[in-house]
Amino acid sequence: MEIGDIVRQNNALLVMKRKGKIHKVSMLGTVVAIHVDHQQQMTEYQRKWFKRLGKRVDVLWANGKLTEGFAEAALDIIVDSCDKCKETKQVVR
């Protein structure tokens, strides 16, 4: 995951349980920051969770809300920022 990727929340970490149909999240967001945690300062228990959750990322959603510290594993990449760069270069040529 890189800054500039277009993402959508997935259900990889949490399963929502309730009566009736659960709507899949359709709002898109842009990764605006990635936070790297220093694993050497973590306990073994924290390292295991870190591997499952991934890096902490800040996401700016389409409605203007900024979510800080979102788990990388809870996001699906819809458009890779590198793909957007390739499209831009093709248009410029």
N, C-alpha and C. Protein backbone atom coordinates (compact mmCIF):
# COMPACT_ATOMS: atom_id res chain seq x y z
N MET A 1 0.85 -1.17 0.00
CA MET A 1 0.00 0.00 0.00
C MET A 1 0.89 1.23 0.00
N GLU A 2 0.49 2.24 -0.80
CA GLU A 2 1.26 3.46 -0.92
C GLU A 2 0.35 4.67 -0.77
N ILE A 3 0.96 5.81 -0.50
CA ILE A 3 0.20 7.06 -0.44
C ILE A 3 -0.37 7.32 -1.83
N GLY A 4 -1.63 7.68 -1.87
CA GLY A 4 -2.30 7.95 -3.14
C GLY A 4 -3.17 6.81 -3.63
N ASP A 5 -3.08 5.63 -3.01
CA ASP A 5 -3.93 4.51 -3.40
C ASP A 5 -5.39 4.81 -3.07
N ILE A 6 -6.29 4.40 -3.95
CA ILE A 6 -7.73 4.50 -3.69
C ILE A 6 -8.14 3.19 -3.03
N VAL A 7 -8.79 3.28 -1.86
CA VAL A 7 -9.10 2.09 -1.06
C VAL A 7 -10.58 2.06 -0.66
N ARG A 8 -10.99 0.85 -0.25
CA ARG A 8 -12.33 0.63 0.30
C ARG A 8 -12.18 -0.29 1.50
N GLN A 9 -12.98 -0.08 2.52
CA GLN A 9 -12.92 -0.92 3.71
C GLN A 9 -13.44 -2.32 3.39
N ASN A 10 -12.76 -3.34 3.92
CA ASN A 10 -13.22 -4.72 3.74
C ASN A 10 -13.65 -5.30 5.08
N ASN A 11 -14.04 -6.54 5.08
CA ASN A 11 -14.47 -7.21 6.32
C ASN A 11 -13.46 -8.27 6.75
N ALA A 12 -12.18 -8.05 6.48
CA ALA A 12 -11.15 -9.03 6.78
C ALA A 12 -10.88 -9.16 8.28
N LEU A 13 -11.03 -8.09 9.03
CA LEU A 13 -10.70 -8.13 10.46
C LEU A 13 -11.91 -8.30 11.36
N LEU A 14 -13.02 -7.69 10.98
CA LEU A 14 -14.23 -7.74 11.79
C LEU A 14 -15.38 -8.30 10.98
N VAL A 15 -16.18 -9.13 11.61
CA VAL A 15 -17.39 -9.62 10.98
C VAL A 15 -18.57 -9.01 11.73
N MET A 16 -19.35 -8.21 11.02
CA MET A 16 -20.49 -7.55 11.64
C MET A 16 -21.66 -8.53 11.69
N LYS A 17 -22.25 -8.69 12.86
CA LYS A 17 -23.38 -9.60 13.02
C LYS A 17 -24.59 -8.79 13.45
N ARG A 18 -25.65 -8.95 12.70
CA ARG A 18 -26.91 -8.32 13.08
C ARG A 18 -28.02 -8.96 12.26
N LYS A 19 -29.24 -8.70 12.65
CA LYS A 19 -30.37 -9.23 11.90
C LYS A 19 -30.53 -8.43 10.62
N GLY A 20 -30.90 -9.12 9.57
CA GLY A 20 -31.11 -8.43 8.30
C GLY A 20 -29.83 -8.39 7.47
N LYS A 21 -29.95 -7.76 6.34
CA LYS A 21 -28.83 -7.69 5.39
C LYS A 21 -27.83 -6.63 5.84
N ILE A 22 -26.55 -6.98 5.73
CA ILE A 22 -25.49 -6.03 6.04
C ILE A 22 -24.95 -5.51 4.71
N HIS A 23 -24.98 -4.21 4.56
CA HIS A 23 -24.53 -3.60 3.32
C HIS A 23 -23.01 -3.51 3.30
N LYS A 24 -22.45 -3.85 2.15
CA LYS A 24 -21.01 -3.73 1.98
C LYS A 24 -20.66 -2.24 1.87
N VAL A 25 -19.57 -1.84 2.51
CA VAL A 25 -19.14 -0.45 2.46
C VAL A 25 -18.73 -0.11 1.04
N SER A 26 -19.31 0.96 0.50
CA SER A 26 -19.02 1.31 -0.88
C SER A 26 -18.22 2.61 -1.01
N MET A 27 -18.03 3.32 0.11
CA MET A 27 -17.33 4.59 0.04
C MET A 27 -15.84 4.37 -0.21
N LEU A 28 -15.31 5.18 -1.10
CA LEU A 28 -13.89 5.10 -1.43
C LEU A 28 -13.12 6.17 -0.68
N GLY A 29 -11.85 5.91 -0.46
CA GLY A 29 -10.99 6.87 0.20
C GLY A 29 -9.60 6.84 -0.40
N THR A 30 -8.81 7.84 -0.06
CA THR A 30 -7.43 7.94 -0.55
C THR A 30 -6.48 7.85 0.63
N VAL A 31 -5.45 7.03 0.50
CA VAL A 31 -4.42 6.92 1.54
C VAL A 31 -3.59 8.20 1.51
N VAL A 32 -3.57 8.92 2.64
CA VAL A 32 -2.84 10.19 2.69
C VAL A 32 -1.57 10.11 3.55
N ALA A 33 -1.46 9.07 4.39
CA ALA A 33 -0.26 8.91 5.22
C ALA A 33 -0.14 7.46 5.65
N ILE A 34 1.09 7.02 5.80
CA ILE A 34 1.39 5.66 6.28
C ILE A 34 2.33 5.80 7.47
N HIS A 35 1.96 5.16 8.58
CA HIS A 35 2.76 5.24 9.80
C HIS A 35 3.50 3.92 10.00
N VAL A 36 4.81 4.00 10.17
CA VAL A 36 5.63 2.82 10.38
C VAL A 36 5.91 2.70 11.87
N ASP A 37 5.49 1.59 12.45
CA ASP A 37 5.74 1.34 13.87
C ASP A 37 7.07 0.60 14.02
N HIS A 38 7.77 0.90 15.08
CA HIS A 38 9.06 0.28 15.33
C HIS A 38 8.85 -1.02 16.09
N GLN A 39 8.99 -2.15 15.39
CA GLN A 39 8.69 -3.45 15.99
C GLN A 39 9.66 -3.85 17.08
N GLN A 40 10.87 -3.33 17.05
CA GLN A 40 11.84 -3.72 18.07
C GLN A 40 11.41 -3.23 19.46
N GLN A 41 10.53 -2.23 19.52
CA GLN A 41 10.08 -1.72 20.81
C GLN A 41 8.79 -2.40 21.28
N MET A 42 8.32 -3.41 20.52
CA MET A 42 7.08 -4.09 20.86
C MET A 42 7.34 -5.40 21.57
N THR A 43 6.35 -5.84 22.33
CA THR A 43 6.42 -7.17 22.93
C THR A 43 6.10 -8.19 21.84
N GLU A 44 6.34 -9.45 22.12
CA GLU A 44 6.06 -10.52 21.15
C GLU A 44 4.56 -10.55 20.80
N TYR A 45 3.72 -10.36 21.80
CA TYR A 45 2.27 -10.33 21.60
C TYR A 45 1.89 -9.20 20.64
N GLN A 46 2.46 -8.01 20.83
CA GLN A 46 2.18 -6.88 19.96
C GLN A 46 2.68 -7.12 18.54
N ARG A 47 3.82 -7.77 18.40
CA ARG A 47 4.37 -8.07 17.06
C ARG A 47 3.44 -8.98 16.27
N LYS A 48 2.85 -9.97 16.95
CA LYS A 48 1.91 -10.89 16.29
C LYS A 48 0.70 -10.12 15.75
N TRP A 49 0.16 -9.21 16.56
CA TRP A 49 -0.98 -8.40 16.11
C TRP A 49 -0.57 -7.46 14.99
N PHE A 50 0.61 -6.92 15.09
CA PHE A 50 1.11 -6.00 14.07
C PHE A 50 1.18 -6.69 12.71
N LYS A 51 1.65 -7.95 12.71
CA LYS A 51 1.73 -8.70 11.46
C LYS A 51 0.34 -8.91 10.86
N ARG A 52 -0.66 -9.12 11.69
CA ARG A 52 -2.02 -9.35 11.19
C ARG A 52 -2.68 -8.05 10.73
N LEU A 53 -2.46 -6.97 11.45
CA LEU A 53 -3.13 -5.70 11.14
C LEU A 53 -2.43 -4.92 10.03
N GLY A 54 -1.12 -5.06 9.94
CA GLY A 54 -0.35 -4.29 8.96
C GLY A 54 -0.04 -2.89 9.49
N LYS A 55 0.41 -2.05 8.60
CA LYS A 55 0.77 -0.68 8.99
C LYS A 55 -0.49 0.12 9.31
N ARG A 56 -0.28 1.21 10.05
CA ARG A 56 -1.37 2.15 10.31
C ARG A 56 -1.39 3.17 9.19
N VAL A 57 -2.56 3.40 8.60
CA VAL A 57 -2.67 4.36 7.51
C VAL A 57 -3.77 5.37 7.82
N ASP A 58 -3.59 6.58 7.30
CA ASP A 58 -4.62 7.61 7.40
C ASP A 58 -5.35 7.67 6.06
N VAL A 59 -6.68 7.65 6.12
CA VAL A 59 -7.49 7.62 4.90
C VAL A 59 -8.40 8.84 4.88
N LEU A 60 -8.39 9.56 3.75
CA LEU A 60 -9.32 10.65 3.52
C LEU A 60 -10.45 10.10 2.68
N TRP A 61 -11.65 10.00 3.28
CA TRP A 61 -12.80 9.41 2.60
C TRP A 61 -13.47 10.41 1.67
N ALA A 62 -14.29 9.91 0.77
CA ALA A 62 -14.95 10.73 -0.24
C ALA A 62 -15.88 11.78 0.39
N ASN A 63 -16.37 11.53 1.60
CA ASN A 63 -17.24 12.50 2.26
C ASN A 63 -16.47 13.57 3.02
N GLY A 64 -15.12 13.53 2.93
CA GLY A 64 -14.29 14.55 3.57
C GLY A 64 -13.78 14.18 4.94
N LYS A 65 -14.22 13.05 5.49
CA LYS A 65 -13.79 12.62 6.82
C LYS A 65 -12.41 11.98 6.74
N LEU A 66 -11.53 12.33 7.67
CA LEU A 66 -10.19 11.76 7.75
C LEU A 66 -10.16 10.74 8.88
N THR A 67 -9.80 9.49 8.56
CA THR A 67 -9.67 8.46 9.57
C THR A 67 -8.19 8.19 9.77
N GLU A 68 -7.70 8.39 10.99
CA GLU A 68 -6.29 8.20 11.29
C GLU A 68 -6.07 6.84 11.93
N GLY A 69 -4.95 6.21 11.60
CA GLY A 69 -4.58 4.95 12.24
C GLY A 69 -5.40 3.75 11.81
N PHE A 70 -5.90 3.75 10.60
CA PHE A 70 -6.70 2.64 10.09
C PHE A 70 -5.78 1.45 9.82
N ALA A 71 -6.22 0.25 10.12
CA ALA A 71 -5.40 -0.95 9.89
C ALA A 71 -5.31 -1.24 8.39
N GLU A 72 -4.11 -1.42 7.91
CA GLU A 72 -3.88 -1.68 6.48
C GLU A 72 -4.63 -2.93 6.02
N ALA A 73 -4.71 -3.95 6.87
CA ALA A 73 -5.36 -5.21 6.51
C ALA A 73 -6.87 -5.06 6.36
N ALA A 74 -7.44 -3.97 6.86
CA ALA A 74 -8.87 -3.74 6.77
C ALA A 74 -9.26 -2.96 5.52
N LEU A 75 -8.31 -2.78 4.60
CA LEU A 75 -8.57 -2.01 3.38
C LEU A 75 -8.23 -2.83 2.15
N ASP A 76 -9.05 -2.68 1.12
CA ASP A 76 -8.77 -3.25 -0.19
C ASP A 76 -8.33 -2.13 -1.11
N ILE A 77 -7.28 -2.37 -1.88
CA ILE A 77 -6.84 -1.37 -2.85
C ILE A 77 -7.70 -1.50 -4.10
N ILE A 78 -8.38 -0.41 -4.45
CA ILE A 78 -9.23 -0.39 -5.64
C ILE A 78 -8.42 0.09 -6.84
N VAL A 79 -7.67 1.18 -6.66
CA VAL A 79 -6.80 1.71 -7.71
C VAL A 79 -5.44 1.96 -7.09
N ASP A 80 -4.43 1.32 -7.63
CA ASP A 80 -3.06 1.48 -7.16
C ASP A 80 -2.53 2.83 -7.62
N SER A 81 -1.83 3.54 -6.77
CA SER A 81 -1.30 4.86 -7.14
C SER A 81 -0.35 4.77 -8.32
N CYS A 82 0.35 3.65 -8.47
CA CYS A 82 1.25 3.47 -9.63
C CYS A 82 0.44 3.36 -10.91
N ASP A 83 -0.74 2.73 -10.86
CA ASP A 83 -1.60 2.65 -12.04
C ASP A 83 -2.04 4.03 -12.48
N LYS A 84 -2.33 4.91 -11.50
CA LYS A 84 -2.75 6.27 -11.84
C LYS A 84 -1.60 7.01 -12.52
N CYS A 85 -0.35 6.77 -12.07
CA CYS A 85 0.80 7.41 -12.68
C CYS A 85 0.95 6.96 -14.13
N LYS A 86 0.77 5.68 -14.40
CA LYS A 86 0.88 5.16 -15.76
C LYS A 86 -0.17 5.78 -16.67
N GLU A 87 -1.41 5.91 -16.16
CA GLU A 87 -2.49 6.50 -16.95
C GLU A 87 -2.15 7.95 -17.28
N THR A 88 -1.61 8.69 -16.31
CA THR A 88 -1.27 10.09 -16.51
C THR A 88 -0.17 10.22 -17.57
N LYS A 89 0.84 9.35 -17.51
CA LYS A 89 1.92 9.40 -18.49
C LYS A 89 1.42 9.10 -19.89
N GLN A 90 0.44 8.19 -20.00
CA GLN A 90 -0.10 7.86 -21.31
C GLN A 90 -0.86 9.04 -21.91
N VAL A 91 -1.54 9.79 -21.07
CA VAL A 91 -2.30 10.93 -21.55
C VAL A 91 -1.36 12.04 -22.00
N VAL A 92 -0.26 12.25 -21.28
CA VAL A 92 0.68 13.32 -21.58
C VAL A 92 1.38 13.06 -22.91
N ARG A 93 1.69 11.85 -23.23
CA ARG A 93 2.42 11.52 -24.46
C ARG A 93 1.65 11.86 -25.65
